[in-house]
Amino acid sequence: MPPDLYTLISETLNLPAGSVNRDSTAENTRNWDSLRQMVLMSEIETAYGVEFTAEELSTCTSVVKIIAALERRGVRFAAT
């Protein structure tokens, strides 16, 4: 079972548990820079067994955009 997306993001960005939510973006989240964006997307690909396009790797800079990209690949979330 894949980890909780918010937990995965907070752990990858080295943030306190519970600090990431649906409104989190690269602009308003500490440590979410371009390098960690690539690491984050790689971690998400591995955890959810998906592969993102090159464009998505660089443009999924918010939780909402990441969820949308995962849902396009058949990943469903109970409450997003």
C-alpha atoms as a PDB file:
ATOM      1  CA  MET A   1       0.000   0.000   0.000  1.00  0.00           C
ATOM      2  CA  PRO A   2       1.455   3.393  -0.933  1.00  0.00           C
ATOM      3  CA  PRO A   3       2.141   5.830   1.865  1.00  0.00           C
ATOM      4  CA  ASP A   4      -0.132   8.761   2.556  1.00  0.00           C
ATOM      5  CA  LEU A   5       0.702  11.424  -0.033  1.00  0.00           C
ATOM      6  CA  TYR A   6       0.937  14.219   2.539  1.00  0.00           C
ATOM      7  CA  THR A   7       3.291  12.121   4.678  1.00  0.00           C
ATOM      8  CA  LEU A   8       5.428  11.261   1.662  1.00  0.00           C
ATOM      9  CA  ILE A   9       5.707  14.924   0.684  1.00  0.00           C
ATOM     10  CA  SER A  10       6.507  16.101   4.211  1.00  0.00           C
ATOM     11  CA  GLU A  11       9.137  13.386   4.694  1.00  0.00           C
ATOM     12  CA  THR A  12      10.748  14.058   1.310  1.00  0.00           C
ATOM     13  CA  LEU A  13      10.865  17.794   1.973  1.00  0.00           C
ATOM     14  CA  ASN A  14      12.066  17.192   5.541  1.00  0.00           C
ATOM     15  CA  LEU A  15       9.071  18.958   7.080  1.00  0.00           C
ATOM     16  CA  PRO A  16       7.192  18.233  10.314  1.00  0.00           C
ATOM     17  CA  ALA A  17       4.380  15.696  10.074  1.00  0.00           C
ATOM     18  CA  GLY A  18       1.073  17.392   9.402  1.00  0.00           C
ATOM     19  CA  SER A  19       2.609  20.478   7.813  1.00  0.00           C
ATOM     20  CA  VAL A  20       1.596  19.525   4.252  1.00  0.00           C
ATOM     21  CA  ASN A  21      -2.010  19.804   3.117  1.00  0.00           C
ATOM     22  CA  ARG A  22      -4.081  20.227  -0.027  1.00  0.00           C
ATOM     23  CA  ASP A  23      -3.127  23.909  -0.242  1.00  0.00           C
ATOM     24  CA  SER A  24       0.636  23.282  -0.139  1.00  0.00           C
ATOM     25  CA  THR A  25       2.617  24.535  -3.130  1.00  0.00           C
ATOM     26  CA  ALA A  26       6.251  25.117  -3.996  1.00  0.00           C
ATOM     27  CA  GLU A  27       5.649  28.820  -3.388  1.00  0.00           C
ATOM     28  CA  ASN A  28       4.275  28.479   0.152  1.00  0.00           C
ATOM     29  CA  THR A  29       6.135  25.417   1.441  1.00  0.00           C
ATOM     30  CA  ARG A  30       9.565  25.590   3.022  1.00  0.00           C
ATOM     31  CA  ASN A  31      12.197  23.361   1.366  1.00  0.00           C
ATOM     32  CA  TRP A  32      10.165  22.815  -1.844  1.00  0.00           C
ATOM     33  CA  ASP A  33      12.766  24.007  -4.336  1.00  0.00           C
ATOM     34  CA  SER A  34      13.574  22.804  -7.863  1.00  0.00           C
ATOM     35  CA  LEU A  35      16.011  20.098  -6.733  1.00  0.00           C
ATOM     36  CA  ARG A  36      13.646  18.688  -4.149  1.00  0.00           C
ATOM     37  CA  GLN A  37      10.864  18.870  -6.743  1.00  0.00           C
ATOM     38  CA  MET A  38      12.707  16.255  -8.814  1.00  0.00           C
ATOM     39  CA  VAL A  39      13.427  14.105  -5.764  1.00  0.00           C
ATOM     40  CA  LEU A  40       9.805  14.408  -4.635  1.00  0.00           C
ATOM     41  CA  MET A  41       8.395  13.380  -8.002  1.00  0.00           C
ATOM     42  CA  SER A  42      10.779  10.425  -8.159  1.00  0.00           C
ATOM     43  CA  GLU A  43       9.665   9.303  -4.692  1.00  0.00           C
ATOM     44  CA  ILE A  44       6.014   9.616  -5.717  1.00  0.00           C
ATOM     45  CA  GLU A  45       6.616   7.622  -8.919  1.00  0.00           C
ATOM     46  CA  THR A  46       8.222   4.828  -6.899  1.00  0.00           C
ATOM     47  CA  ALA A  47       5.618   4.815  -4.134  1.00  0.00           C
ATOM     48  CA  TYR A  48       2.620   4.793  -6.476  1.00  0.00           C
ATOM     49  CA  GLY A  49       4.099   2.757  -9.333  1.00  0.00           C
ATOM     50  CA  VAL A  50       3.553   5.454 -11.944  1.00  0.00           C
ATOM     51  CA  GLU A  51       5.685   7.379 -14.409  1.00  0.00           C
ATOM     52  CA  PHE A  52       5.235  11.080 -15.052  1.00  0.00           C
ATOM     53  CA  THR A  53       5.995  12.966 -18.239  1.00  0.00           C
ATOM     54  CA  ALA A  54       8.956  15.359 -18.298  1.00  0.00           C
ATOM     55  CA  GLU A  55       6.513  18.262 -18.234  1.00  0.00           C
ATOM     56  CA  GLU A  56       4.701  16.910 -15.180  1.00  0.00           C
ATOM     57  CA  LEU A  57       7.992  16.402 -13.360  1.00  0.00           C
ATOM     58  CA  SER A  58       8.611  20.126 -13.513  1.00  0.00           C
ATOM     59  CA  THR A  59       5.071  21.510 -13.358  1.00  0.00           C
ATOM     60  CA  CYS A  60       3.461  19.451 -10.573  1.00  0.00           C
ATOM     61  CA  THR A  61       4.420  22.088  -8.035  1.00  0.00           C
ATOM     62  CA  SER A  62       1.410  21.808  -5.760  1.00  0.00           C
ATOM     63  CA  VAL A  63      -0.404  19.045  -3.931  1.00  0.00           C
ATOM     64  CA  VAL A  64      -3.488  19.644  -6.095  1.00  0.00           C
ATOM     65  CA  LYS A  65      -1.469  19.225  -9.317  1.00  0.00           C
ATOM     66  CA  ILE A  66       0.238  16.088  -7.982  1.00  0.00           C
ATOM     67  CA  ILE A  67      -3.115  14.554  -7.037  1.00  0.00           C
ATOM     68  CA  ALA A  68      -4.511  15.364 -10.501  1.00  0.00           C
ATOM     69  CA  ALA A  69      -1.497  13.754 -12.205  1.00  0.00           C
ATOM     70  CA  LEU A  70      -1.836  10.639 -10.039  1.00  0.00           C
ATOM     71  CA  GLU A  71      -5.576  10.415 -10.681  1.00  0.00           C
ATOM     72  CA  ARG A  72      -4.949  10.570 -14.446  1.00  0.00           C
ATOM     73  CA  ARG A  73      -2.939   7.386 -13.899  1.00  0.00           C
ATOM     74  CA  GLY A  74      -5.709   5.646 -12.016  1.00  0.00           C
ATOM     75  CA  VAL A  75      -4.636   6.410  -8.452  1.00  0.00           C
ATOM     76  CA  ARG A  76      -7.703   7.228  -6.369  1.00  0.00           C
ATOM     77  CA  PHE A  77      -7.796   9.147  -3.131  1.00  0.00           C
ATOM     78  CA  ALA A  78     -10.629   8.756  -0.615  1.00  0.00           C
ATOM     79  CA  ALA A  79     -10.747  12.441   0.238  1.00  0.00           C
ATOM     80  CA  THR A  80      -8.683  15.002  -1.663  1.00  0.00           C
END
